[in-house]
Amino acid sequence: MNTKLFQLDEIEQAAQLLKEGELISFPTETVYGLGANAMDEAAVKKVYAAKGRPSDNPLIVHVASVEEVANYVEEISAQSKELMAKFWPGPLTLIFKTKPGVFSEIVTGGLTSVGIRMPDNRATLALIHYAGVPLVGPSANTSGKPSPTTAAHVYHDLNGKIAGILDGGETGVGLESTVLDMTNPEKPTILRPGALTKEELESVVKKVYLDQHLITKEESPKAPGMKYTHYAPNETVVIVNGADEQWQEAITYYQSQGEKIGLLANENRINQYKSTVTAVFSLGDKNDATAAAKLLYAGLRFFEKTAVTLILAESYENKGIGGAYMNRLEKAAGNRFFRK
């Protein structure tokens, strides 16, 4: 299969392929998604095959309007309506109880709930409109690897496995959407942190809970990114906290083990240690967690093109967007921190 790169004036051509049951990657404000007709079970199966994704991991359904949601879910609470009014289109996935028989179990991961979002990207909203169906849209990468934030990242992972990529340039947020479980309106719960923070959600919903329990092998996750090791590059990732002496100790220790070190760190740290390591990637200003979040996946992918065997990665304060950054980084590192 030849994977075609579609430009923004070719959206209708890409939509036609979706109608025919093919896979098209699309840009969003978060990361690139891998689109298939959510109502076509055979097309959805192709998504799992292309990504190598576990089939009990549910898929998020992408829509082009708020009004469509009522076609797919049993009930939309008043709080859910308020959240959609304020944050859609945007990086928020809401989990609802789905109407029986609407989506295949391969979309829902065998659950009675479904995650739905309306992405904040005009090209992709147009793509959904022209396709005339909701689209599943997991990140367009090999399962478990860093999510793609450019069309080139998608092409690297999925060339020859999908029909096309709609090139919308670099994504803005760089991390996947916040997933909020609304199946119990009395207890809105964040299942996956993202660009939209708990504090922002609580400007609409009085109290938002955070699900931090670890999913076991026997459980079915209610949202993507909860169960398996995710976002991991080929190289080992180790998170380093805090002071300069910790960084120097980590560099010295791993070099003594024969590792070729890559630094994924703030600009100050990079300037301090770049002459002593194999390769570096800057996450920007040390106080800007938003920039770090946007650059995280690109940084993890960057080292594939180098001789690096181990990445030392910067930690950020675990709150707000920094919480989403740390959620992804800890999974990429398998919760591996440098401690000596």
C-alpha atoms as a PDB file:
ATOM      1  CA  MET A   1       0.000   0.000   0.000  1.00  0.00           C
ATOM      2  CA  ASN A   2       1.259   3.480  -0.861  1.00  0.00           C
ATOM      3  CA  THR A   3       0.567   5.993   1.913  1.00  0.00           C
ATOM      4  CA  LYS A   4      -0.455   9.302   0.313  1.00  0.00           C
ATOM      5  CA  LEU A   5       0.261  12.659   1.918  1.00  0.00           C
ATOM      6  CA  PHE A   6      -2.885  14.794   1.536  1.00  0.00           C
ATOM      7  CA  GLN A   7      -2.691  18.586   1.627  1.00  0.00           C
ATOM      8  CA  LEU A   8      -5.418  20.762   3.138  1.00  0.00           C
ATOM      9  CA  ASP A   9      -7.054  21.345  -0.274  1.00  0.00           C
ATOM     10  CA  GLU A  10      -7.467  17.578  -0.688  1.00  0.00           C
ATOM     11  CA  ILE A  11      -9.679  16.894   2.344  1.00  0.00           C
ATOM     12  CA  GLU A  12     -12.602  15.585   0.286  1.00  0.00           C
ATOM     13  CA  GLN A  13     -10.331  13.006  -1.388  1.00  0.00           C
ATOM     14  CA  ALA A  14      -9.150  11.813   2.020  1.00  0.00           C
ATOM     15  CA  ALA A  15     -12.767  11.669   3.256  1.00  0.00           C
ATOM     16  CA  GLN A  16     -13.739   9.497   0.291  1.00  0.00           C
ATOM     17  CA  LEU A  17     -11.137   6.922   1.314  1.00  0.00           C
ATOM     18  CA  LEU A  18     -12.598   6.882   4.839  1.00  0.00           C
ATOM     19  CA  LYS A  19     -16.021   6.168   3.313  1.00  0.00           C
ATOM     20  CA  GLU A  20     -14.441   3.227   1.489  1.00  0.00           C
ATOM     21  CA  GLY A  21     -13.166   1.732   4.745  1.00  0.00           C
ATOM     22  CA  GLU A  22      -9.569   2.928   4.517  1.00  0.00           C
ATOM     23  CA  LEU A  23      -7.433   4.539   7.259  1.00  0.00           C
ATOM     24  CA  ILE A  24      -6.488   8.236   7.163  1.00  0.00           C
ATOM     25  CA  SER A  25      -4.324   9.950   9.788  1.00  0.00           C
ATOM     26  CA  PHE A  26      -5.538  13.412  10.728  1.00  0.00           C
ATOM     27  CA  PRO A  27      -4.125  16.359  12.698  1.00  0.00           C
ATOM     28  CA  THR A  28      -5.674  17.625  15.909  1.00  0.00           C
ATOM     29  CA  GLU A  29      -4.654  20.253  18.440  1.00  0.00           C
ATOM     30  CA  THR A  30      -3.189  17.457  20.607  1.00  0.00           C
ATOM     31  CA  VAL A  31      -1.484  14.777  18.467  1.00  0.00           C
ATOM     32  CA  TYR A  32      -2.154  13.125  15.095  1.00  0.00           C
ATOM     33  CA  GLY A  33      -4.976  10.581  15.154  1.00  0.00           C
ATOM     34  CA  LEU A  34      -5.464   7.451  13.066  1.00  0.00           C
ATOM     35  CA  GLY A  35      -8.919   7.776  11.565  1.00  0.00           C
ATOM     36  CA  ALA A  36     -11.381   5.092  10.521  1.00  0.00           C
ATOM     37  CA  ASN A  37     -15.163   5.011  10.179  1.00  0.00           C
ATOM     38  CA  ALA A  38     -16.305   4.301  13.748  1.00  0.00           C
ATOM     39  CA  MET A  39     -19.434   2.558  12.419  1.00  0.00           C
ATOM     40  CA  ASP A  40     -17.473   0.138  10.195  1.00  0.00           C
ATOM     41  CA  GLU A  41     -16.115  -2.772  12.257  1.00  0.00           C
ATOM     42  CA  ALA A  42     -13.849  -3.997   9.464  1.00  0.00           C
ATOM     43  CA  ALA A  43     -12.273  -0.535   9.145  1.00  0.00           C
ATOM     44  CA  VAL A  44     -11.767  -0.295  12.913  1.00  0.00           C
ATOM     45  CA  LYS A  45     -10.036  -3.680  12.918  1.00  0.00           C
ATOM     46  CA  LYS A  46      -7.550  -2.230  10.449  1.00  0.00           C
ATOM     47  CA  VAL A  47      -6.634   0.409  13.066  1.00  0.00           C
ATOM     48  CA  TYR A  48      -5.643  -2.262  15.589  1.00  0.00           C
ATOM     49  CA  ALA A  49      -3.678  -4.109  12.919  1.00  0.00           C
ATOM     50  CA  ALA A  50      -1.833  -0.986  11.709  1.00  0.00           C
ATOM     51  CA  LYS A  51      -0.868   0.096  15.221  1.00  0.00           C
ATOM     52  CA  GLY A  52      -0.308  -3.347  16.734  1.00  0.00           C
ATOM     53  CA  ARG A  53      -2.700  -2.177  19.454  1.00  0.00           C
ATOM     54  CA  PRO A  54      -4.220  -4.475  22.134  1.00  0.00           C
ATOM     55  CA  SER A  55      -7.886  -5.005  21.265  1.00  0.00           C
ATOM     56  CA  ASP A  56      -9.192  -4.461  24.819  1.00  0.00           C
ATOM     57  CA  ASN A  57      -7.979  -0.855  24.749  1.00  0.00           C
ATOM     58  CA  PRO A  58     -11.005   1.337  23.859  1.00  0.00           C
ATOM     59  CA  LEU A  59     -10.911   3.912  21.069  1.00  0.00           C
ATOM     60  CA  ILE A  60     -11.997   7.542  21.289  1.00  0.00           C
ATOM     61  CA  VAL A  61     -14.697   8.570  18.820  1.00  0.00           C
ATOM     62  CA  HIS A  62     -14.258  11.959  17.128  1.00  0.00           C
ATOM     63  CA  VAL A  63     -17.260  14.029  16.056  1.00  0.00           C
ATOM     64  CA  ALA A  64     -17.693  17.289  14.132  1.00  0.00           C
ATOM     65  CA  SER A  65     -20.503  18.787  16.260  1.00  0.00           C
ATOM     66  CA  VAL A  66     -21.949  18.722  19.753  1.00  0.00           C
ATOM     67  CA  GLU A  67     -25.352  17.759  18.343  1.00  0.00           C
ATOM     68  CA  GLU A  68     -24.081  14.402  17.062  1.00  0.00           C
ATOM     69  CA  VAL A  69     -23.345  13.085  20.539  1.00  0.00           C
ATOM     70  CA  ALA A  70     -27.013  12.391  21.317  1.00  0.00           C
ATOM     71  CA  ASN A  71     -27.050   9.836  18.480  1.00  0.00           C
ATOM     72  CA  TYR A  72     -24.526   7.649  20.281  1.00  0.00           C
ATOM     73  CA  VAL A  73     -25.064   7.928  24.045  1.00  0.00           C
ATOM     74  CA  GLU A  74     -27.870   7.104  26.453  1.00  0.00           C
ATOM     75  CA  GLU A  75     -27.870  10.367  28.378  1.00  0.00           C
ATOM     76  CA  ILE A  76     -26.052  13.706  28.398  1.00  0.00           C
ATOM     77  CA  SER A  77     -26.083  15.209  31.874  1.00  0.00           C
ATOM     78  CA  ALA A  78     -26.398  18.921  32.498  1.00  0.00           C
ATOM     79  CA  GLN A  79     -22.768  19.007  33.603  1.00  0.00           C
ATOM     80  CA  SER A  80     -21.664  17.291  30.395  1.00  0.00           C
ATOM     81  CA  LYS A  81     -23.568  19.843  28.344  1.00  0.00           C
ATOM     82  CA  GLU A  82     -21.827  22.650  30.232  1.00  0.00           C
ATOM     83  CA  LEU A  83     -18.419  21.051  29.683  1.00  0.00           C
ATOM     84  CA  MET A  84     -19.053  20.659  25.956  1.00  0.00           C
ATOM     85  CA  ALA A  85     -20.301  24.239  25.694  1.00  0.00           C
ATOM     86  CA  LYS A  86     -17.135  25.586  27.295  1.00  0.00           C
ATOM     87  CA  PHE A  87     -14.385  23.213  26.129  1.00  0.00           C
ATOM     88  CA  TRP A  88     -15.500  21.837  22.740  1.00  0.00           C
ATOM     89  CA  PRO A  89     -13.966  21.917  20.284  1.00  0.00           C
ATOM     90  CA  GLY A  90     -10.897  21.234  22.389  1.00  0.00           C
ATOM     91  CA  PRO A  91      -8.650  18.699  24.145  1.00  0.00           C
ATOM     92  CA  LEU A  92     -11.375  17.090  26.267  1.00  0.00           C
ATOM     93  CA  THR A  93     -12.732  13.553  25.853  1.00  0.00           C
ATOM     94  CA  LEU A  94     -15.935  12.775  27.742  1.00  0.00           C
ATOM     95  CA  ILE A  95     -16.904   9.190  28.571  1.00  0.00           C
ATOM     96  CA  PHE A  96     -20.613   8.398  28.374  1.00  0.00           C
ATOM     97  CA  LYS A  97     -22.787   5.304  28.628  1.00  0.00           C
ATOM     98  CA  THR A  98     -23.280   4.293  25.018  1.00  0.00           C
ATOM     99  CA  LYS A  99     -26.558   3.278  23.406  1.00  0.00           C
ATOM    100  CA  PRO A 100     -26.621  -0.501  22.934  1.00  0.00           C
ATOM    101  CA  GLY A 101     -25.661  -1.664  19.467  1.00  0.00           C
ATOM    102  CA  VAL A 102     -24.385   1.677  18.206  1.00  0.00           C
ATOM    103  CA  PHE A 103     -20.687   0.867  18.280  1.00  0.00           C
ATOM    104  CA  SER A 104     -18.958  -2.445  17.896  1.00  0.00           C
ATOM    105  CA  GLU A 105     -17.272  -3.912  20.979  1.00  0.00           C
ATOM    106  CA  ILE A 106     -14.013  -3.412  19.116  1.00  0.00           C
ATOM    107  CA  VAL A 107     -14.567   0.364  19.468  1.00  0.00           C
ATOM    108  CA  THR A 108     -15.581   0.277  23.137  1.00  0.00           C
ATOM    109  CA  GLY A 109     -13.123  -2.385  24.251  1.00  0.00           C
ATOM    110  CA  GLY A 110     -16.091  -4.525  25.303  1.00  0.00           C
ATOM    111  CA  LEU A 111     -17.375  -1.852  27.709  1.00  0.00           C
ATOM    112  CA  THR A 112     -20.822  -0.219  27.893  1.00  0.00           C
ATOM    113  CA  SER A 113     -19.212   3.225  27.709  1.00  0.00           C
ATOM    114  CA  VAL A 114     -17.571   5.243  24.948  1.00  0.00           C
ATOM    115  CA  GLY A 115     -15.211   8.233  24.899  1.00  0.00           C
ATOM    116  CA  ILE A 116     -16.176  11.073  22.556  1.00  0.00           C
ATOM    117  CA  ARG A 117     -14.457  14.301  21.671  1.00  0.00           C
ATOM    118  CA  MET A 118     -14.667  17.178  19.183  1.00  0.00           C
ATOM    119  CA  PRO A 119     -11.123  18.141  18.125  1.00  0.00           C
ATOM    120  CA  ASP A 120     -10.114  21.774  17.774  1.00  0.00           C
ATOM    121  CA  ASN A 121      -8.783  21.526  14.233  1.00  0.00           C
ATOM    122  CA  ARG A 122     -10.719  22.959  11.309  1.00  0.00           C
ATOM    123  CA  ALA A 123      -9.229  20.580   8.748  1.00  0.00           C
ATOM    124  CA  THR A 124     -10.168  17.503  10.759  1.00  0.00           C
ATOM    125  CA  LEU A 125     -13.655  18.803  11.520  1.00  0.00           C
ATOM    126  CA  ALA A 126     -14.074  19.234   7.764  1.00  0.00           C
ATOM    127  CA  LEU A 127     -12.729  15.713   7.199  1.00  0.00           C
ATOM    128  CA  ILE A 128     -15.320  14.251   9.595  1.00  0.00           C
ATOM    129  CA  HIS A 129     -18.044  16.341   7.942  1.00  0.00           C
ATOM    130  CA  TYR A 130     -17.188  15.157   4.432  1.00  0.00           C
ATOM    131  CA  ALA A 131     -16.820  11.543   5.570  1.00  0.00           C
ATOM    132  CA  GLY A 132     -20.313  11.792   7.063  1.00  0.00           C
ATOM    133  CA  VAL A 133     -19.500   9.470   9.962  1.00  0.00           C
ATOM    134  CA  PRO A 134     -17.786   9.712  13.352  1.00  0.00           C
ATOM    135  CA  LEU A 135     -14.157   8.628  13.309  1.00  0.00           C
ATOM    136  CA  VAL A 136     -12.176   6.587  15.779  1.00  0.00           C
ATOM    137  CA  GLY A 137      -8.857   8.335  16.277  1.00  0.00           C
ATOM    138  CA  PRO A 138      -6.195   6.769  18.488  1.00  0.00           C
ATOM    139  CA  SER A 139      -2.750   8.308  18.164  1.00  0.00           C
ATOM    140  CA  ALA A 140      -1.275   7.512  14.749  1.00  0.00           C
ATOM    141  CA  ASN A 141       1.820   5.674  15.919  1.00  0.00           C
ATOM    142  CA  THR A 142       3.018   2.160  16.546  1.00  0.00           C
ATOM    143  CA  SER A 143       1.315   1.111  19.780  1.00  0.00           C
ATOM    144  CA  GLY A 144       3.328   1.917  22.900  1.00  0.00           C
ATOM    145  CA  LYS A 145       5.670   4.362  21.137  1.00  0.00           C
ATOM    146  CA  PRO A 146       5.718   8.175  21.447  1.00  0.00           C
ATOM    147  CA  SER A 147       2.655   9.769  19.891  1.00  0.00           C
ATOM    148  CA  PRO A 148       3.117  11.721  16.627  1.00  0.00           C
ATOM    149  CA  THR A 149       3.016  15.514  16.573  1.00  0.00           C
ATOM    150  CA  THR A 150       3.869  15.931  12.859  1.00  0.00           C
ATOM    151  CA  ALA A 151       2.853  14.178   9.641  1.00  0.00           C
ATOM    152  CA  ALA A 152       6.470  13.051   9.309  1.00  0.00           C
ATOM    153  CA  HIS A 153       6.200  11.157  12.608  1.00  0.00           C
ATOM    154  CA  VAL A 154       3.099   9.356  11.304  1.00  0.00           C
ATOM    155  CA  TYR A 155       4.815   8.523   8.020  1.00  0.00           C
ATOM    156  CA  HIS A 156       7.800   7.105   9.905  1.00  0.00           C
ATOM    157  CA  ASP A 157       5.611   4.702  11.893  1.00  0.00           C
ATOM    158  CA  LEU A 158       2.790   3.820   9.491  1.00  0.00           C
ATOM    159  CA  ASN A 159       4.039   4.267   5.924  1.00  0.00           C
ATOM    160  CA  GLY A 160       2.676   1.398   3.868  1.00  0.00           C
ATOM    161  CA  LYS A 161       0.139   0.442   6.557  1.00  0.00           C
ATOM    162  CA  ILE A 162      -2.488   3.167   5.997  1.00  0.00           C
ATOM    163  CA  ALA A 163      -4.030   4.861   2.961  1.00  0.00           C
ATOM    164  CA  GLY A 164      -3.089   8.439   3.746  1.00  0.00           C
ATOM    165  CA  ILE A 165      -2.091  11.274   6.065  1.00  0.00           C
ATOM    166  CA  LEU A 166      -3.761  14.682   6.123  1.00  0.00           C
ATOM    167  CA  ASP A 167      -0.842  17.047   6.725  1.00  0.00           C
ATOM    168  CA  GLY A 168      -1.867  19.829   9.081  1.00  0.00           C
ATOM    169  CA  GLY A 169       1.622  20.795  10.242  1.00  0.00           C
ATOM    170  CA  GLU A 170       2.848  20.517  13.809  1.00  0.00           C
ATOM    171  CA  THR A 171       0.241  20.003  16.515  1.00  0.00           C
ATOM    172  CA  GLY A 172      -0.208  22.718  19.123  1.00  0.00           C
ATOM    173  CA  VAL A 173      -0.609  20.959  22.485  1.00  0.00           C
ATOM    174  CA  GLY A 174       1.605  17.913  21.948  1.00  0.00           C
ATOM    175  CA  LEU A 175      -0.118  15.632  24.512  1.00  0.00           C
ATOM    176  CA  GLU A 176      -3.338  13.656  24.169  1.00  0.00           C
ATOM    177  CA  SER A 177      -6.683  14.980  25.394  1.00  0.00           C
ATOM    178  CA  THR A 178      -7.811  14.947  28.992  1.00  0.00           C
ATOM    179  CA  VAL A 179     -10.234  12.029  29.477  1.00  0.00           C
ATOM    180  CA  LEU A 180     -13.093  12.729  31.910  1.00  0.00           C
ATOM    181  CA  ASP A 181     -15.433   9.914  32.922  1.00  0.00           C
ATOM    182  CA  MET A 182     -19.006  11.253  33.090  1.00  0.00           C
ATOM    183  CA  THR A 183     -20.797   7.902  33.378  1.00  0.00           C
ATOM    184  CA  ASN A 184     -21.463   8.814  37.015  1.00  0.00           C
ATOM    185  CA  PRO A 185     -22.422  12.529  36.928  1.00  0.00           C
ATOM    186  CA  GLU A 186     -22.045  12.664  40.712  1.00  0.00           C
ATOM    187  CA  LYS A 187     -18.360  11.800  40.453  1.00  0.00           C
ATOM    188  CA  PRO A 188     -16.680  13.227  37.334  1.00  0.00           C
ATOM    189  CA  THR A 189     -13.296  11.482  37.214  1.00  0.00           C
ATOM    190  CA  ILE A 190     -10.150  12.178  35.191  1.00  0.00           C
ATOM    191  CA  LEU A 191      -8.901   8.877  33.796  1.00  0.00           C
ATOM    192  CA  ARG A 192      -6.068  10.407  31.757  1.00  0.00           C
ATOM    193  CA  PRO A 193      -4.658  13.889  32.453  1.00  0.00           C
ATOM    194  CA  GLY A 194      -4.056  16.154  29.479  1.00  0.00           C
ATOM    195  CA  ALA A 195      -3.795  19.761  28.403  1.00  0.00           C
ATOM    196  CA  LEU A 196      -7.090  20.622  30.063  1.00  0.00           C
ATOM    197  CA  THR A 197      -6.330  20.657  33.777  1.00  0.00           C
ATOM    198  CA  LYS A 198      -8.376  19.610  36.807  1.00  0.00           C
ATOM    199  CA  GLU A 199      -8.521  23.253  37.865  1.00  0.00           C
ATOM    200  CA  GLU A 200      -9.944  24.321  34.506  1.00  0.00           C
ATOM    201  CA  LEU A 201     -12.568  21.573  34.598  1.00  0.00           C
ATOM    202  CA  GLU A 202     -13.569  22.653  38.099  1.00  0.00           C
ATOM    203  CA  SER A 203     -14.461  26.071  36.720  1.00  0.00           C
ATOM    204  CA  VAL A 204     -17.514  24.230  35.328  1.00  0.00           C
ATOM    205  CA  VAL A 205     -17.842  21.118  37.510  1.00  0.00           C
ATOM    206  CA  LYS A 206     -17.626  21.799  41.246  1.00  0.00           C
ATOM    207  CA  LYS A 207     -15.539  18.720  42.116  1.00  0.00           C
ATOM    208  CA  VAL A 208     -13.421  16.599  39.771  1.00  0.00           C
ATOM    209  CA  TYR A 209     -11.747  13.403  40.968  1.00  0.00           C
ATOM    210  CA  LEU A 210      -8.524  11.861  39.690  1.00  0.00           C
ATOM    211  CA  ASP A 211      -8.258   8.102  39.057  1.00  0.00           C
ATOM    212  CA  GLN A 212      -4.692   7.132  39.931  1.00  0.00           C
ATOM    213  CA  HIS A 213      -5.034   3.374  40.433  1.00  0.00           C
ATOM    214  CA  LEU A 214      -2.921   1.102  38.266  1.00  0.00           C
ATOM    215  CA  ILE A 215      -4.827  -1.048  35.784  1.00  0.00           C
ATOM    216  CA  THR A 216      -4.103  -4.751  36.184  1.00  0.00           C
ATOM    217  CA  LYS A 217      -3.737  -7.210  33.312  1.00  0.00           C
ATOM    218  CA  GLU A 218      -7.197  -8.576  34.122  1.00  0.00           C
ATOM    219  CA  GLU A 219      -8.979  -5.193  33.970  1.00  0.00           C
ATOM    220  CA  SER A 220     -10.342  -3.485  30.877  1.00  0.00           C
ATOM    221  CA  PRO A 221      -9.235   0.167  30.779  1.00  0.00           C
ATOM    222  CA  LYS A 222     -11.997   2.747  30.346  1.00  0.00           C
ATOM    223  CA  ALA A 223      -9.674   5.070  28.438  1.00  0.00           C
ATOM    224  CA  PRO A 224      -6.581   4.783  26.250  1.00  0.00           C
ATOM    225  CA  GLY A 225      -3.168   5.023  27.888  1.00  0.00           C
ATOM    226  CA  MET A 226      -4.190   3.515  31.238  1.00  0.00           C
ATOM    227  CA  LYS A 227      -2.981  -0.083  31.010  1.00  0.00           C
ATOM    228  CA  TYR A 228       0.103  -0.675  28.945  1.00  0.00           C
ATOM    229  CA  THR A 229       3.517   0.881  28.840  1.00  0.00           C
ATOM    230  CA  HIS A 230       3.010   3.824  26.528  1.00  0.00           C
ATOM    231  CA  TYR A 231       4.945   6.569  24.805  1.00  0.00           C
ATOM    232  CA  ALA A 232       8.275   4.723  25.088  1.00  0.00           C
ATOM    233  CA  PRO A 233      11.104   5.202  22.571  1.00  0.00           C
ATOM    234  CA  ASN A 234      13.547   2.416  21.708  1.00  0.00           C
ATOM    235  CA  GLU A 235      16.078   3.853  24.156  1.00  0.00           C
ATOM    236  CA  THR A 236      15.851   3.396  27.932  1.00  0.00           C
ATOM    237  CA  VAL A 237      14.415   6.496  29.643  1.00  0.00           C
ATOM    238  CA  VAL A 238      15.409   7.520  33.167  1.00  0.00           C
ATOM    239  CA  ILE A 239      13.800  10.509  34.921  1.00  0.00           C
ATOM    240  CA  VAL A 240      16.071  12.834  36.897  1.00  0.00           C
ATOM    241  CA  ASN A 241      14.723  15.064  39.654  1.00  0.00           C
ATOM    242  CA  GLY A 242      15.997  18.340  40.864  1.00  0.00           C
ATOM    243  CA  ALA A 243      19.446  19.635  41.559  1.00  0.00           C
ATOM    244  CA  ASP A 244      22.502  19.881  39.342  1.00  0.00           C
ATOM    245  CA  GLU A 245      24.422  17.354  41.428  1.00  0.00           C
ATOM    246  CA  GLN A 246      21.753  14.743  40.656  1.00  0.00           C
ATOM    247  CA  TRP A 247      22.241  15.314  36.949  1.00  0.00           C
ATOM    248  CA  GLN A 248      26.009  15.145  37.197  1.00  0.00           C
ATOM    249  CA  GLU A 249      25.802  11.941  39.250  1.00  0.00           C
ATOM    250  CA  ALA A 250      23.400  10.386  36.747  1.00  0.00           C
ATOM    251  CA  ILE A 251      25.573  11.285  33.753  1.00  0.00           C
ATOM    252  CA  THR A 252      28.709   9.989  35.440  1.00  0.00           C
ATOM    253  CA  TYR A 253      27.046   6.779  36.609  1.00  0.00           C
ATOM    254  CA  TYR A 254      25.475   5.778  33.295  1.00  0.00           C
ATOM    255  CA  GLN A 255      28.551   6.684  31.286  1.00  0.00           C
ATOM    256  CA  SER A 256      30.535   4.399  33.592  1.00  0.00           C
ATOM    257  CA  GLN A 257      28.098   1.648  32.558  1.00  0.00           C
ATOM    258  CA  GLY A 258      28.948   2.238  28.911  1.00  0.00           C
ATOM    259  CA  GLU A 259      25.754   4.115  28.032  1.00  0.00           C
ATOM    260  CA  LYS A 260      25.682   6.865  25.429  1.00  0.00           C
ATOM    261  CA  ILE A 261      23.654   9.592  27.102  1.00  0.00           C
ATOM    262  CA  GLY A 262      20.984  11.807  25.603  1.00  0.00           C
ATOM    263  CA  LEU A 263      19.604  14.724  27.599  1.00  0.00           C
ATOM    264  CA  LEU A 264      15.924  15.645  27.320  1.00  0.00           C
ATOM    265  CA  ALA A 265      15.936  18.685  29.547  1.00  0.00           C
ATOM    266  CA  ASN A 266      15.357  22.398  29.948  1.00  0.00           C
ATOM    267  CA  GLU A 267      17.563  24.863  28.090  1.00  0.00           C
ATOM    268  CA  ASN A 268      19.650  25.783  31.134  1.00  0.00           C
ATOM    269  CA  ARG A 269      20.428  22.128  31.824  1.00  0.00           C
ATOM    270  CA  ILE A 270      21.272  21.529  28.179  1.00  0.00           C
ATOM    271  CA  ASN A 271      23.730  24.421  28.105  1.00  0.00           C
ATOM    272  CA  GLN A 272      25.383  23.153  31.262  1.00  0.00           C
ATOM    273  CA  TYR A 273      25.946  19.539  30.221  1.00  0.00           C
ATOM    274  CA  LYS A 274      25.771  19.337  26.408  1.00  0.00           C
ATOM    275  CA  SER A 275      29.538  19.087  25.995  1.00  0.00           C
ATOM    276  CA  THR A 276      29.646  15.957  28.190  1.00  0.00           C
ATOM    277  CA  VAL A 277      26.945  13.812  26.526  1.00  0.00           C
ATOM    278  CA  THR A 278      26.200  12.271  23.134  1.00  0.00           C
ATOM    279  CA  ALA A 279      23.104  14.274  22.127  1.00  0.00           C
ATOM    280  CA  VAL A 280      20.644  16.789  23.567  1.00  0.00           C
ATOM    281  CA  PHE A 281      17.069  17.961  22.993  1.00  0.00           C
ATOM    282  CA  SER A 282      15.805  21.130  24.662  1.00  0.00           C
ATOM    283  CA  LEU A 283      12.372  21.314  26.291  1.00  0.00           C
ATOM    284  CA  GLY A 284      12.630  25.101  26.480  1.00  0.00           C
ATOM    285  CA  ASP A 285      12.564  27.366  29.499  1.00  0.00           C
ATOM    286  CA  LYS A 286      12.871  25.580  32.850  1.00  0.00           C
ATOM    287  CA  ASN A 287       9.701  27.268  34.160  1.00  0.00           C
ATOM    288  CA  ASP A 288       7.519  26.537  31.119  1.00  0.00           C
ATOM    289  CA  ALA A 289       5.802  23.171  31.564  1.00  0.00           C
ATOM    290  CA  THR A 290       3.465  23.932  28.654  1.00  0.00           C
ATOM    291  CA  ALA A 291       6.402  24.119  26.262  1.00  0.00           C
ATOM    292  CA  ALA A 292       7.887  20.945  27.743  1.00  0.00           C
ATOM    293  CA  ALA A 293       4.599  19.101  27.227  1.00  0.00           C
ATOM    294  CA  LYS A 294       4.392  20.221  23.608  1.00  0.00           C
ATOM    295  CA  LEU A 295       7.963  19.071  22.910  1.00  0.00           C
ATOM    296  CA  LEU A 296       8.022  15.818  24.907  1.00  0.00           C
ATOM    297  CA  TYR A 297       7.096  13.372  22.150  1.00  0.00           C
ATOM    298  CA  ALA A 298       9.215  15.102  19.534  1.00  0.00           C
ATOM    299  CA  GLY A 299      12.110  14.924  21.982  1.00  0.00           C
ATOM    300  CA  LEU A 300      11.645  11.225  22.690  1.00  0.00           C
ATOM    301  CA  ARG A 301      11.560  10.557  18.936  1.00  0.00           C
ATOM    302  CA  PHE A 302      14.598  12.753  18.255  1.00  0.00           C
ATOM    303  CA  PHE A 303      17.062  10.338  19.862  1.00  0.00           C
ATOM    304  CA  GLU A 304      16.145   7.543  17.414  1.00  0.00           C
ATOM    305  CA  LYS A 305      18.330   9.373  14.877  1.00  0.00           C
ATOM    306  CA  THR A 306      21.340   9.492  17.212  1.00  0.00           C
ATOM    307  CA  ALA A 307      23.791   7.019  18.773  1.00  0.00           C
ATOM    308  CA  VAL A 308      22.138   7.487  22.191  1.00  0.00           C
ATOM    309  CA  THR A 309      21.354   4.340  24.200  1.00  0.00           C
ATOM    310  CA  LEU A 310      19.856   5.988  27.301  1.00  0.00           C
ATOM    311  CA  ILE A 311      17.837   9.187  27.766  1.00  0.00           C
ATOM    312  CA  LEU A 312      18.000  11.232  30.963  1.00  0.00           C
ATOM    313  CA  ALA A 313      14.738  13.178  31.098  1.00  0.00           C
ATOM    314  CA  GLU A 314      13.721  16.281  33.034  1.00  0.00           C
ATOM    315  CA  SER A 315      10.959  16.090  35.628  1.00  0.00           C
ATOM    316  CA  TYR A 316       8.476  18.941  36.097  1.00  0.00           C
ATOM    317  CA  GLU A 317       6.196  19.807  38.990  1.00  0.00           C
ATOM    318  CA  ASN A 318       3.297  17.361  38.987  1.00  0.00           C
ATOM    319  CA  LYS A 319       0.435  19.846  38.712  1.00  0.00           C
ATOM    320  CA  GLY A 320      -1.534  21.436  35.882  1.00  0.00           C
ATOM    321  CA  ILE A 321      -0.054  20.654  32.479  1.00  0.00           C
ATOM    322  CA  GLY A 322       3.033  19.451  34.348  1.00  0.00           C
ATOM    323  CA  GLY A 323       0.882  16.623  35.703  1.00  0.00           C
ATOM    324  CA  ALA A 324       0.011  15.515  32.159  1.00  0.00           C
ATOM    325  CA  TYR A 325       3.672  15.777  31.155  1.00  0.00           C
ATOM    326  CA  MET A 326       4.746  13.611  34.089  1.00  0.00           C
ATOM    327  CA  ASN A 327       1.979  11.075  33.417  1.00  0.00           C
ATOM    328  CA  ARG A 328       3.339  10.480  29.898  1.00  0.00           C
ATOM    329  CA  LEU A 329       7.013  10.635  30.899  1.00  0.00           C
ATOM    330  CA  GLU A 330       6.601   8.158  33.762  1.00  0.00           C
ATOM    331  CA  LYS A 331       4.942   5.680  31.372  1.00  0.00           C
ATOM    332  CA  ALA A 332       7.698   6.228  28.794  1.00  0.00           C
ATOM    333  CA  ALA A 333      10.269   5.531  31.502  1.00  0.00           C
ATOM    334  CA  GLY A 334       8.389   2.622  33.046  1.00  0.00           C
ATOM    335  CA  ASN A 335       8.459   4.679  36.292  1.00  0.00           C
ATOM    336  CA  ARG A 336      12.259   4.560  36.268  1.00  0.00           C
ATOM    337  CA  PHE A 337      13.845   7.393  38.284  1.00  0.00           C
ATOM    338  CA  PHE A 338      17.525   7.966  38.977  1.00  0.00           C
ATOM    339  CA  ARG A 339      18.184   7.267  42.638  1.00  0.00           C
ATOM    340  CA  LYS A 340      21.630   6.795  44.115  1.00  0.00           C
END
